[in-house]
PDB file of all heavy atoms in Angstrom:
ATOM      1  N   MET A   1       9.073 129.341-186.344  1.00  0.00           N
ATOM      2  CA  MET A   1       9.421 130.331-187.384  1.00  0.00           C
ATOM      3  C   MET A   1      10.545 129.807-188.268  1.00  0.00           C
ATOM      4  O   MET A   1      10.596 130.036-189.484  1.00  0.00           O
ATOM      5  CB  MET A   1       9.815 131.635-186.764  1.00  0.00           C
ATOM      6  CG  MET A   1       8.635 132.482-186.250  1.00  0.00           C
ATOM      7  SD  MET A   1       7.602 133.210-187.532  1.00  0.00           S
ATOM      8  CE  MET A   1       8.626 134.520-188.075  1.00  0.00           C
ATOM      9  N   LYS A   2      11.466 129.130-187.696  1.00  0.00           N
ATOM     10  CA  LYS A   2      12.663 128.630-188.425  1.00  0.00           C
ATOM     11  C   LYS A   2      12.354 127.679-189.544  1.00  0.00           C
ATOM     12  O   LYS A   2      13.233 127.441-190.401  1.00  0.00           O
ATOM     13  CB  LYS A   2      13.668 128.038-187.452  1.00  0.00           C
ATOM     14  CG  LYS A   2      13.069 126.802-186.683  1.00  0.00           C
ATOM     15  CD  LYS A   2      14.018 126.398-185.502  1.00  0.00           C
ATOM     16  CE  LYS A   2      13.362 125.304-184.664  1.00  0.00           C
ATOM     17  NZ  LYS A   2      14.162 125.095-183.478  1.00  0.00           N
ATOM     18  N   TYR A   3      11.178 127.066-189.519  1.00  0.00           N
ATOM     19  CA  TYR A   3      10.823 126.103-190.537  1.00  0.00           C
ATOM     20  C   TYR A   3      10.203 126.705-191.773  1.00  0.00           C
ATOM     21  O   TYR A   3      10.102 126.015-192.822  1.00  0.00           O
ATOM     22  CB  TYR A   3       9.881 125.016-189.963  1.00  0.00           C
ATOM     23  CG  TYR A   3      10.513 124.226-188.825  1.00  0.00           C
ATOM     24  CD1 TYR A   3       9.986 124.310-187.508  1.00  0.00           C
ATOM     25  CD2 TYR A   3      11.585 123.394-189.050  1.00  0.00           C
ATOM     26  CE1 TYR A   3      10.523 123.562-186.512  1.00  0.00           C
ATOM     27  CE2 TYR A   3      12.165 122.706-188.031  1.00  0.00           C
ATOM     28  CZ  TYR A   3      11.652 122.766-186.771  1.00  0.00           C
ATOM     29  OH  TYR A   3      12.217 122.060-185.766  1.00  0.00           O
ATOM     30  N   PHE A   4       9.807 127.960-191.677  1.00  0.00           N
ATOM     31  CA  PHE A   4       9.046 128.577-192.794  1.00  0.00           C
ATOM     32  C   PHE A   4       9.884 129.702-193.470  1.00  0.00           C
ATOM     33  O   PHE A   4      10.420 130.568-192.749  1.00  0.00           O
ATOM     34  CB  PHE A   4       7.751 129.119-192.287  1.00  0.00           C
ATOM     35  CG  PHE A   4       6.843 128.043-191.781  1.00  0.00           C
ATOM     36  CD1 PHE A   4       6.735 127.805-190.446  1.00  0.00           C
ATOM     37  CD2 PHE A   4       6.061 127.288-192.677  1.00  0.00           C
ATOM     38  CE1 PHE A   4       5.886 126.805-189.946  1.00  0.00           C
ATOM     39  CE2 PHE A   4       5.235 126.289-192.211  1.00  0.00           C
ATOM     40  CZ  PHE A   4       5.147 126.011-190.851  1.00  0.00           C
ATOM     41  N   SER A   5       9.895 129.704-194.818  1.00  0.00           N
ATOM     42  CA  SER A   5      10.690 130.715-195.523  1.00  0.00           C
ATOM     43  C   SER A   5       9.996 132.068-195.410  1.00  0.00           C
ATOM     44  O   SER A   5      10.672 133.087-195.381  1.00  0.00           O
ATOM     45  CB  SER A   5      10.736 130.298-197.013  1.00  0.00           C
ATOM     46  OG  SER A   5      11.483 129.131-197.145  1.00  0.00           O
ATOM     47  N   PHE A   6       8.664 132.103-195.363  1.00  0.00           N
ATOM     48  CA  PHE A   6       7.938 133.333-195.237  1.00  0.00           C
ATOM     49  C   PHE A   6       6.491 133.053-194.881  1.00  0.00           C
ATOM     50  O   PHE A   6       6.019 131.917-194.911  1.00  0.00           O
ATOM     51  CB  PHE A   6       8.010 134.222-196.495  1.00  0.00           C
ATOM     52  CG  PHE A   6       7.601 133.536-197.749  1.00  0.00           C
ATOM     53  CD1 PHE A   6       6.222 133.472-198.094  1.00  0.00           C
ATOM     54  CD2 PHE A   6       8.508 132.913-198.569  1.00  0.00           C
ATOM     55  CE1 PHE A   6       5.796 132.842-199.242  1.00  0.00           C
ATOM     56  CE2 PHE A   6       8.074 132.289-199.778  1.00  0.00           C
ATOM     57  CZ  PHE A   6       6.753 132.252-200.056  1.00  0.00           C
ATOM     58  N   ILE A   7       5.768 134.145-194.643  1.00  0.00           N
ATOM     59  CA  ILE A   7       4.336 134.080-194.333  1.00  0.00           C
ATOM     60  C   ILE A   7       3.575 134.928-195.313  1.00  0.00           C
ATOM     61  O   ILE A   7       4.012 136.099-195.630  1.00  0.00           O
ATOM     62  CB  ILE A   7       4.082 134.630-192.904  1.00  0.00           C
ATOM     63  CG1 ILE A   7       4.745 133.703-191.864  1.00  0.00           C
ATOM     64  CG2 ILE A   7       2.599 134.745-192.626  1.00  0.00           C
ATOM     65  CD1 ILE A   7       4.856 134.410-190.479  1.00  0.00           C
ATOM     66  N   ILE A   8       2.447 134.485-195.791  1.00  0.00           N
ATOM     67  CA  ILE A   8       1.540 135.326-196.524  1.00  0.00           C
ATOM     68  C   ILE A   8       0.232 135.405-195.740  1.00  0.00           C
ATOM     69  O   ILE A   8      -0.412 134.326-195.519  1.00  0.00           O
ATOM     70  CB  ILE A   8       1.264 134.784-197.960  1.00  0.00           C
ATOM     71  CG1 ILE A   8       2.575 135.009-198.825  1.00  0.00           C
ATOM     72  CG2 ILE A   8       0.108 135.459-198.580  1.00  0.00           C
ATOM     73  CD1 ILE A   8       2.421 134.584-200.231  1.00  0.00           C
ATOM     74  N   GLY A   9      -0.097 136.606-195.312  1.00  0.00           N
ATOM     75  CA  GLY A   9      -1.357 136.835-194.522  1.00  0.00           C
ATOM     76  C   GLY A   9      -2.343 137.658-195.346  1.00  0.00           C
ATOM     77  O   GLY A   9      -2.103 137.950-196.495  1.00  0.00           O
ATOM     78  N   ILE A  10      -3.383 138.005-194.653  1.00  0.00           N
ATOM     79  CA  ILE A  10      -4.447 138.763-195.372  1.00  0.00           C
ATOM     80  C   ILE A  10      -3.964 140.124-195.816  1.00  0.00           C
ATOM     81  O   ILE A  10      -4.454 140.692-196.806  1.00  0.00           O
ATOM     82  CB  ILE A  10      -5.679 138.910-194.423  1.00  0.00           C
ATOM     83  CG1 ILE A  10      -6.898 139.389-195.279  1.00  0.00           C
ATOM     84  CG2 ILE A  10      -5.378 139.893-193.298  1.00  0.00           C
ATOM     85  CD1 ILE A  10      -7.344 138.465-196.332  1.00  0.00           C
ATOM     86  N   GLU A  11      -2.942 140.682-195.173  1.00  0.00           N
ATOM     87  CA  GLU A  11      -2.361 141.982-195.641  1.00  0.00           C
ATOM     88  C   GLU A  11      -1.684 141.817-197.005  1.00  0.00           C
ATOM     89  O   GLU A  11      -1.569 142.806-197.758  1.00  0.00           O
ATOM     90  CB  GLU A  11      -1.335 142.536-194.632  1.00  0.00           C
ATOM     91  CG  GLU A  11      -1.884 142.749-193.220  1.00  0.00           C
ATOM     92  CD  GLU A  11      -1.681 141.572-192.317  1.00  0.00           C
ATOM     93  OE1 GLU A  11      -1.577 140.437-192.819  1.00  0.00           O
ATOM     94  OE2 GLU A  11      -1.665 141.787-191.097  1.00  0.00           O
ATOM     95  N   ASP A  12      -1.173 140.651-197.306  1.00  0.00           N
ATOM     96  CA  ASP A  12      -0.428 140.412-198.540  1.00  0.00           C
ATOM     97  C   ASP A  12      -1.329 140.068-199.715  1.00  0.00           C
ATOM     98  O   ASP A  12      -1.075 140.425-200.839  1.00  0.00           O
ATOM     99  CB  ASP A  12       0.622 139.315-198.348  1.00  0.00           C
ATOM    100  CG  ASP A  12       1.548 139.599-197.189  1.00  0.00           C
ATOM    101  OD1 ASP A  12       2.284 140.579-197.277  1.00  0.00           O
ATOM    102  OD2 ASP A  12       1.492 138.886-196.219  1.00  0.00           O
ATOM    103  N   SER A  13      -2.408 139.273-199.419  1.00  0.00           N
ATOM    104  CA  SER A  13      -3.322 138.904-200.425  1.00  0.00           C
ATOM    105  C   SER A  13      -4.733 139.324-200.013  1.00  0.00           C
ATOM    106  O   SER A  13      -5.416 138.664-199.219  1.00  0.00           O
ATOM    107  CB  SER A  13      -3.303 137.321-200.590  1.00  0.00           C
ATOM    108  OG  SER A  13      -4.321 136.924-201.502  1.00  0.00           O
ATOM    109  N   VAL A  14      -5.157 140.478-200.518  1.00  0.00           N
ATOM    110  CA  VAL A  14      -6.407 141.055-200.054  1.00  0.00           C
ATOM    111  C   VAL A  14      -7.594 140.285-200.542  1.00  0.00           C
ATOM    112  O   VAL A  14      -8.712 140.464-200.002  1.00  0.00           O
ATOM    113  CB  VAL A  14      -6.514 142.538-200.510  1.00  0.00           C
ATOM    114  CG1 VAL A  14      -5.436 143.399-199.895  1.00  0.00           C
ATOM    115  CG2 VAL A  14      -6.447 142.655-202.072  1.00  0.00           C
ATOM    116  N   VAL A  15      -7.416 139.431-201.540  1.00  0.00           N
ATOM    117  CA  VAL A  15      -8.514 138.545-201.998  1.00  0.00           C
ATOM    118  C   VAL A  15      -8.406 137.233-201.242  1.00  0.00           C
ATOM    119  O   VAL A  15      -7.376 136.553-201.294  1.00  0.00           O
ATOM    120  CB  VAL A  15      -8.426 138.308-203.487  1.00  0.00           C
ATOM    121  CG1 VAL A  15      -9.631 137.474-203.964  1.00  0.00           C
ATOM    122  CG2 VAL A  15      -8.344 139.624-204.254  1.00  0.00           C
ATOM    123  N   GLY A  16      -9.459 136.844-200.531  1.00  0.00           N
ATOM    124  CA  GLY A  16      -9.375 135.620-199.713  1.00  0.00           C
ATOM    125  C   GLY A  16      -9.675 134.370-200.499  1.00  0.00           C
ATOM    126  O   GLY A  16     -10.051 134.383-201.647  1.00  0.00           O
ATOM    127  N   LYS A  17      -9.384 133.239-199.866  1.00  0.00           N
ATOM    128  CA  LYS A  17      -9.707 131.925-200.412  1.00  0.00           C
ATOM    129  C   LYS A  17     -11.207 131.823-200.574  1.00  0.00           C
ATOM    130  O   LYS A  17     -11.980 132.337-199.752  1.00  0.00           O
ATOM    131  CB  LYS A  17      -9.175 130.848-199.474  1.00  0.00           C
ATOM    132  CG  LYS A  17      -7.718 130.919-199.174  1.00  0.00           C
ATOM    133  CD  LYS A  17      -7.280 129.991-198.009  1.00  0.00           C
ATOM    134  CE  LYS A  17      -5.815 130.173-197.691  1.00  0.00           C
ATOM    135  NZ  LYS A  17      -5.404 129.320-196.558  1.00  0.00           N
ATOM    136  N   PRO A  18     -11.701 131.211-201.637  1.00  0.00           N
ATOM    137  CA  PRO A  18     -11.031 130.248-202.580  1.00  0.00           C
ATOM    138  C   PRO A  18     -10.265 130.886-203.722  1.00  0.00           C
ATOM    139  O   PRO A  18      -9.838 130.161-204.621  1.00  0.00           O
ATOM    140  CB  PRO A  18     -12.211 129.420-203.125  1.00  0.00           C
ATOM    141  CG  PRO A  18     -13.364 130.372-203.073  1.00  0.00           C
ATOM    142  CD  PRO A  18     -13.168 131.218-201.846  1.00  0.00           C
ATOM    143  N   ASP A  19     -10.133 132.177-203.753  1.00  0.00           N
ATOM    144  CA  ASP A  19      -9.268 132.812-204.776  1.00  0.00           C
ATOM    145  C   ASP A  19      -7.854 132.260-204.577  1.00  0.00           C
ATOM    146  O   ASP A  19      -7.384 132.204-203.454  1.00  0.00           O
ATOM    147  CB  ASP A  19      -9.347 134.297-204.634  1.00  0.00           C
ATOM    148  CG  ASP A  19      -8.599 135.018-205.813  1.00  0.00           C
ATOM    149  OD1 ASP A  19      -7.369 135.162-205.708  1.00  0.00           O
ATOM    150  OD2 ASP A  19      -9.284 135.388-206.769  1.00  0.00           O
ATOM    151  N   PRO A  20      -7.161 131.917-205.662  1.00  0.00           N
ATOM    152  CA  PRO A  20      -5.854 131.343-205.575  1.00  0.00           C
ATOM    153  C   PRO A  20      -4.707 132.307-205.344  1.00  0.00           C
ATOM    154  O   PRO A  20      -3.544 131.916-205.301  1.00  0.00           O
ATOM    155  CB  PRO A  20      -5.641 130.617-206.887  1.00  0.00           C
ATOM    156  CG  PRO A  20      -6.447 131.484-207.860  1.00  0.00           C
ATOM    157  CD  PRO A  20      -7.653 131.978-207.064  1.00  0.00           C
ATOM    158  N   THR A  21      -5.019 133.619-205.275  1.00  0.00           N
ATOM    159  CA  THR A  21      -3.960 134.649-205.278  1.00  0.00           C
ATOM    160  C   THR A  21      -2.838 134.369-204.206  1.00  0.00           C
ATOM    161  O   THR A  21      -1.658 134.457-204.548  1.00  0.00           O
ATOM    162  CB  THR A  21      -4.535 136.059-205.039  1.00  0.00           C
ATOM    163  OG1 THR A  21      -5.458 136.315-206.057  1.00  0.00           O
ATOM    164  CG2 THR A  21      -3.461 137.102-205.033  1.00  0.00           C
ATOM    165  N   GLY A  22      -3.244 134.082-203.018  1.00  0.00           N
ATOM    166  CA  GLY A  22      -2.260 133.860-201.945  1.00  0.00           C
ATOM    167  C   GLY A  22      -1.277 132.757-202.294  1.00  0.00           C
ATOM    168  O   GLY A  22      -0.072 132.841-202.115  1.00  0.00           O
ATOM    169  N   TYR A  23      -1.804 131.626-202.782  1.00  0.00           N
ATOM    170  CA  TYR A  23      -0.937 130.472-203.122  1.00  0.00           C
ATOM    171  C   TYR A  23      -0.045 130.818-204.379  1.00  0.00           C
ATOM    172  O   TYR A  23       1.113 130.426-204.414  1.00  0.00           O
ATOM    173  CB  TYR A  23      -1.749 129.243-203.368  1.00  0.00           C
ATOM    174  CG  TYR A  23      -2.229 128.645-202.062  1.00  0.00           C
ATOM    175  CD1 TYR A  23      -3.553 128.485-201.740  1.00  0.00           C
ATOM    176  CD2 TYR A  23      -1.281 128.202-201.103  1.00  0.00           C
ATOM    177  CE1 TYR A  23      -3.981 127.990-200.504  1.00  0.00           C
ATOM    178  CE2 TYR A  23      -1.674 127.670-199.915  1.00  0.00           C
ATOM    179  CZ  TYR A  23      -3.028 127.543-199.617  1.00  0.00           C
ATOM    180  OH  TYR A  23      -3.416 127.061-198.392  1.00  0.00           O
ATOM    181  N   LEU A  24      -0.615 131.490-205.323  1.00  0.00           N
ATOM    182  CA  LEU A  24       0.190 131.892-206.503  1.00  0.00           C
ATOM    183  C   LEU A  24       1.283 132.881-206.107  1.00  0.00           C
ATOM    184  O   LEU A  24       2.397 132.828-206.673  1.00  0.00           O
ATOM    185  CB  LEU A  24      -0.718 132.455-207.593  1.00  0.00           C
ATOM    186  CG  LEU A  24      -1.718 131.469-208.189  1.00  0.00           C
ATOM    187  CD1 LEU A  24      -2.675 132.179-209.172  1.00  0.00           C
ATOM    188  CD2 LEU A  24      -0.949 130.342-208.979  1.00  0.00           C
ATOM    189  N   MET A  25       0.971 133.780-205.168  1.00  0.00           N
ATOM    190  CA  MET A  25       1.997 134.701-204.670  1.00  0.00           C
ATOM    191  C   MET A  25       3.136 133.924-204.012  1.00  0.00           C
ATOM    192  O   MET A  25       4.314 134.261-204.205  1.00  0.00           O
ATOM    193  CB  MET A  25       1.414 135.682-203.701  1.00  0.00           C
ATOM    194  CG  MET A  25       0.509 136.736-204.268  1.00  0.00           C
ATOM    195  SD  MET A  25      -0.210 137.825-202.986  1.00  0.00           S
ATOM    196  CE  MET A  25       1.271 138.571-202.287  1.00  0.00           C
ATOM    197  N   ALA A  26       2.780 132.901-203.250  1.00  0.00           N
ATOM    198  CA  ALA A  26       3.795 132.066-202.601  1.00  0.00           C
ATOM    199  C   ALA A  26       4.684 131.360-203.602  1.00  0.00           C
ATOM    200  O   ALA A  26       5.943 131.357-203.475  1.00  0.00           O
ATOM    201  CB  ALA A  26       3.147 131.044-201.678  1.00  0.00           C
ATOM    202  N   ALA A  27       4.068 130.778-204.608  1.00  0.00           N
ATOM    203  CA  ALA A  27       4.914 130.066-205.648  1.00  0.00           C
ATOM    204  C   ALA A  27       5.794 131.067-206.375  1.00  0.00           C
ATOM    205  O   ALA A  27       7.004 130.761-206.633  1.00  0.00           O
ATOM    206  CB  ALA A  27       3.936 129.421-206.625  1.00  0.00           C
ATOM    207  N   ASP A  28       5.283 132.256-206.661  1.00  0.00           N
ATOM    208  CA  ASP A  28       6.075 133.257-207.381  1.00  0.00           C
ATOM    209  C   ASP A  28       7.243 133.705-206.486  1.00  0.00           C
ATOM    210  O   ASP A  28       8.377 133.851-206.972  1.00  0.00           O
ATOM    211  CB  ASP A  28       5.154 134.399-207.754  1.00  0.00           C
ATOM    212  CG  ASP A  28       5.945 135.494-208.533  1.00  0.00           C
ATOM    213  OD1 ASP A  28       6.376 135.200-209.669  1.00  0.00           O
ATOM    214  OD2 ASP A  28       6.106 136.588-208.024  1.00  0.00           O
ATOM    215  N   LYS A  29       6.907 133.897-205.232  1.00  0.00           N
ATOM    216  CA  LYS A  29       8.007 134.375-204.296  1.00  0.00           C
ATOM    217  C   LYS A  29       9.103 133.301-204.138  1.00  0.00           C
ATOM    218  O   LYS A  29      10.284 133.625-203.992  1.00  0.00           O
ATOM    219  CB  LYS A  29       7.373 134.734-202.917  1.00  0.00           C
ATOM    220  CG  LYS A  29       8.290 135.465-202.009  1.00  0.00           C
ATOM    221  CD  LYS A  29       7.503 136.001-200.842  1.00  0.00           C
ATOM    222  CE  LYS A  29       8.352 136.841-199.912  1.00  0.00           C
ATOM    223  NZ  LYS A  29       7.654 137.456-198.803  1.00  0.00           N
ATOM    224  N   LEU A  30       8.691 132.049-204.184  1.00  0.00           N
ATOM    225  CA  LEU A  30       9.646 130.951-204.101  1.00  0.00           C
ATOM    226  C   LEU A  30      10.401 130.678-205.386  1.00  0.00           C
ATOM    227  O   LEU A  30      11.465 130.032-205.401  1.00  0.00           O
ATOM    228  CB  LEU A  30       8.975 129.661-203.609  1.00  0.00           C
ATOM    229  CG  LEU A  30       8.374 129.634-202.194  1.00  0.00           C
ATOM    230  CD1 LEU A  30       7.521 128.427-202.013  1.00  0.00           C
ATOM    231  CD2 LEU A  30       9.545 129.638-201.181  1.00  0.00           C
ATOM    232  N   GLY A  31       9.800 131.121-206.503  1.00  0.00           N
ATOM    233  CA  GLY A  31      10.362 130.807-207.787  1.00  0.00           C
ATOM    234  C   GLY A  31      10.201 129.354-208.163  1.00  0.00           C
ATOM    235  O   GLY A  31      10.997 128.774-208.883  1.00  0.00           O
ATOM    236  N   ILE A  32       9.109 128.793-207.676  1.00  0.00           N
ATOM    237  CA  ILE A  32       8.771 127.389-207.864  1.00  0.00           C
ATOM    238  C   ILE A  32       7.408 127.301-208.664  1.00  0.00           C
ATOM    239  O   ILE A  32       6.478 127.966-208.283  1.00  0.00           O
ATOM    240  CB  ILE A  32       8.694 126.609-206.596  1.00  0.00           C
ATOM    241  CG1 ILE A  32      10.067 126.561-205.902  1.00  0.00           C
ATOM    242  CG2 ILE A  32       8.173 125.152-206.810  1.00  0.00           C
ATOM    243  CD1 ILE A  32      10.028 125.925-204.525  1.00  0.00           C
ATOM    244  N   PRO A  33       7.343 126.530-209.754  1.00  0.00           N
ATOM    245  CA  PRO A  33       6.100 126.443-210.475  1.00  0.00           C
ATOM    246  C   PRO A  33       4.969 125.880-209.589  1.00  0.00           C
ATOM    247  O   PRO A  33       5.245 125.041-208.709  1.00  0.00           O
ATOM    248  CB  PRO A  33       6.453 125.433-211.597  1.00  0.00           C
ATOM    249  CG  PRO A  33       7.919 125.456-211.748  1.00  0.00           C
ATOM    250  CD  PRO A  33       8.430 125.731-210.375  1.00  0.00           C
ATOM    251  N   PRO A  34       3.759 126.331-209.802  1.00  0.00           N
ATOM    252  CA  PRO A  34       2.625 125.846-209.005  1.00  0.00           C
ATOM    253  C   PRO A  34       2.500 124.310-208.958  1.00  0.00           C
ATOM    254  O   PRO A  34       2.161 123.759-207.869  1.00  0.00           O
ATOM    255  CB  PRO A  34       1.389 126.443-209.694  1.00  0.00           C
ATOM    256  CG  PRO A  34       1.962 127.739-210.295  1.00  0.00           C
ATOM    257  CD  PRO A  34       3.356 127.378-210.761  1.00  0.00           C
ATOM    258  N   GLU A  35       2.782 123.684-210.035  1.00  0.00           N
ATOM    259  CA  GLU A  35       2.633 122.188-210.110  1.00  0.00           C
ATOM    260  C   GLU A  35       3.700 121.493-209.203  1.00  0.00           C
ATOM    261  O   GLU A  35       3.566 120.292-208.994  1.00  0.00           O
ATOM    262  CB  GLU A  35       2.680 121.676-211.504  1.00  0.00           C
ATOM    263  CG  GLU A  35       3.970 121.986-212.234  1.00  0.00           C
ATOM    264  CD  GLU A  35       3.930 123.339-213.042  1.00  0.00           C
ATOM    265  OE1 GLU A  35       3.062 124.193-212.697  1.00  0.00           O
ATOM    266  OE2 GLU A  35       4.741 123.454-213.990  1.00  0.00           O
ATOM    267  N   GLU A  36       4.671 122.224-208.759  1.00  0.00           N
ATOM    268  CA  GLU A  36       5.714 121.653-207.853  1.00  0.00           C
ATOM    269  C   GLU A  36       5.439 122.063-206.373  1.00  0.00           C
ATOM    270  O   GLU A  36       6.328 121.886-205.522  1.00  0.00           O
ATOM    271  CB  GLU A  36       7.113 122.052-208.299  1.00  0.00           C
ATOM    272  CG  GLU A  36       7.445 121.492-209.686  1.00  0.00           C
ATOM    273  CD  GLU A  36       8.834 121.853-210.143  1.00  0.00           C
ATOM    274  OE1 GLU A  36       9.560 122.489-209.417  1.00  0.00           O
ATOM    275  OE2 GLU A  36       9.178 121.476-211.281  1.00  0.00           O
ATOM    276  N   CYS A  37       4.246 122.556-206.161  1.00  0.00           N
ATOM    277  CA  CYS A  37       3.877 123.011-204.795  1.00  0.00           C
ATOM    278  C   CYS A  37       2.732 122.109-204.287  1.00  0.00           C
ATOM    279  O   CYS A  37       1.819 121.764-204.979  1.00  0.00           O
ATOM    280  CB  CYS A  37       3.412 124.446-204.729  1.00  0.00           C
ATOM    281  SG  CYS A  37       4.617 125.663-205.174  1.00  0.00           S
ATOM    282  N   LEU A  38       2.785 121.721-202.983  1.00  0.00           N
ATOM    283  CA  LEU A  38       1.747 120.995-202.330  1.00  0.00           C
ATOM    284  C   LEU A  38       1.055 121.849-201.301  1.00  0.00           C
ATOM    285  O   LEU A  38       1.763 122.441-200.459  1.00  0.00           O
ATOM    286  CB  LEU A  38       2.329 119.750-201.652  1.00  0.00           C
ATOM    287  CG  LEU A  38       1.287 118.838-200.922  1.00  0.00           C
ATOM    288  CD1 LEU A  38       0.479 118.086-201.915  1.00  0.00           C
ATOM    289  CD2 LEU A  38       2.036 117.859-199.984  1.00  0.00           C
ATOM    290  N   VAL A  39      -0.214 121.994-201.374  1.00  0.00           N
ATOM    291  CA  VAL A  39      -1.029 122.805-200.447  1.00  0.00           C
ATOM    292  C   VAL A  39      -1.649 121.855-199.375  1.00  0.00           C
ATOM    293  O   VAL A  39      -2.176 120.803-199.706  1.00  0.00           O
ATOM    294  CB  VAL A  39      -2.161 123.519-201.222  1.00  0.00           C
ATOM    295  CG1 VAL A  39      -3.167 124.081-200.252  1.00  0.00           C
ATOM    296  CG2 VAL A  39      -1.568 124.641-202.076  1.00  0.00           C
ATOM    297  N   VAL A  40      -1.503 122.272-198.115  1.00  0.00           N
ATOM    298  CA  VAL A  40      -2.090 121.521-197.016  1.00  0.00           C
ATOM    299  C   VAL A  40      -3.193 122.374-196.395  1.00  0.00           C
ATOM    300  O   VAL A  40      -2.874 123.451-195.813  1.00  0.00           O
ATOM    301  CB  VAL A  40      -1.045 121.131-195.943  1.00  0.00           C
ATOM    302  CG1 VAL A  40      -1.680 120.257-194.891  1.00  0.00           C
ATOM    303  CG2 VAL A  40       0.107 120.430-196.630  1.00  0.00           C
ATOM    304  N   GLU A  41      -4.416 121.912-196.473  1.00  0.00           N
ATOM    305  CA  GLU A  41      -5.581 122.730-196.019  1.00  0.00           C
ATOM    306  C   GLU A  41      -6.544 121.847-195.201  1.00  0.00           C
ATOM    307  O   GLU A  41      -6.403 120.632-195.171  1.00  0.00           O
ATOM    308  CB  GLU A  41      -6.350 123.259-197.247  1.00  0.00           C
ATOM    309  CG  GLU A  41      -5.734 124.576-197.838  1.00  0.00           C
ATOM    310  CD  GLU A  41      -6.177 125.765-197.075  1.00  0.00           C
ATOM    311  OE1 GLU A  41      -7.014 125.653-196.099  1.00  0.00           O
ATOM    312  OE2 GLU A  41      -5.783 126.900-197.449  1.00  0.00           O
ATOM    313  N   ASP A  42      -7.548 122.511-194.577  1.00  0.00           N
ATOM    314  CA  ASP A  42      -8.503 121.730-193.777  1.00  0.00           C
ATOM    315  C   ASP A  42      -9.991 122.126-194.132  1.00  0.00           C
ATOM    316  O   ASP A  42     -10.886 121.475-193.640  1.00  0.00           O
ATOM    317  CB  ASP A  42      -8.275 122.034-192.294  1.00  0.00           C
ATOM    318  CG  ASP A  42      -8.791 123.359-191.862  1.00  0.00           C
ATOM    319  OD1 ASP A  42      -8.327 124.367-192.395  1.00  0.00           O
ATOM    320  OD2 ASP A  42      -9.681 123.434-190.987  1.00  0.00           O
ATOM    321  N   ALA A  43     -10.184 123.149-194.952  1.00  0.00           N
ATOM    322  CA  ALA A  43     -11.549 123.635-195.193  1.00  0.00           C
ATOM    323  C   ALA A  43     -11.794 123.810-196.741  1.00  0.00           C
ATOM    324  O   ALA A  43     -10.822 124.038-197.510  1.00  0.00           O
ATOM    325  CB  ALA A  43     -11.799 124.941-194.494  1.00  0.00           C
TER     326      ALA A  43
END
């Protein structure tokens, strides 16, 4: 837990992937532009 600033789960972003809402919410919450974020995924 100590390594992560926060969690975004299905309760926070009711629209699932491949919709970008969850990732855009994370960038907005961090105050960091999307182009300065790296996404790590497996599917």
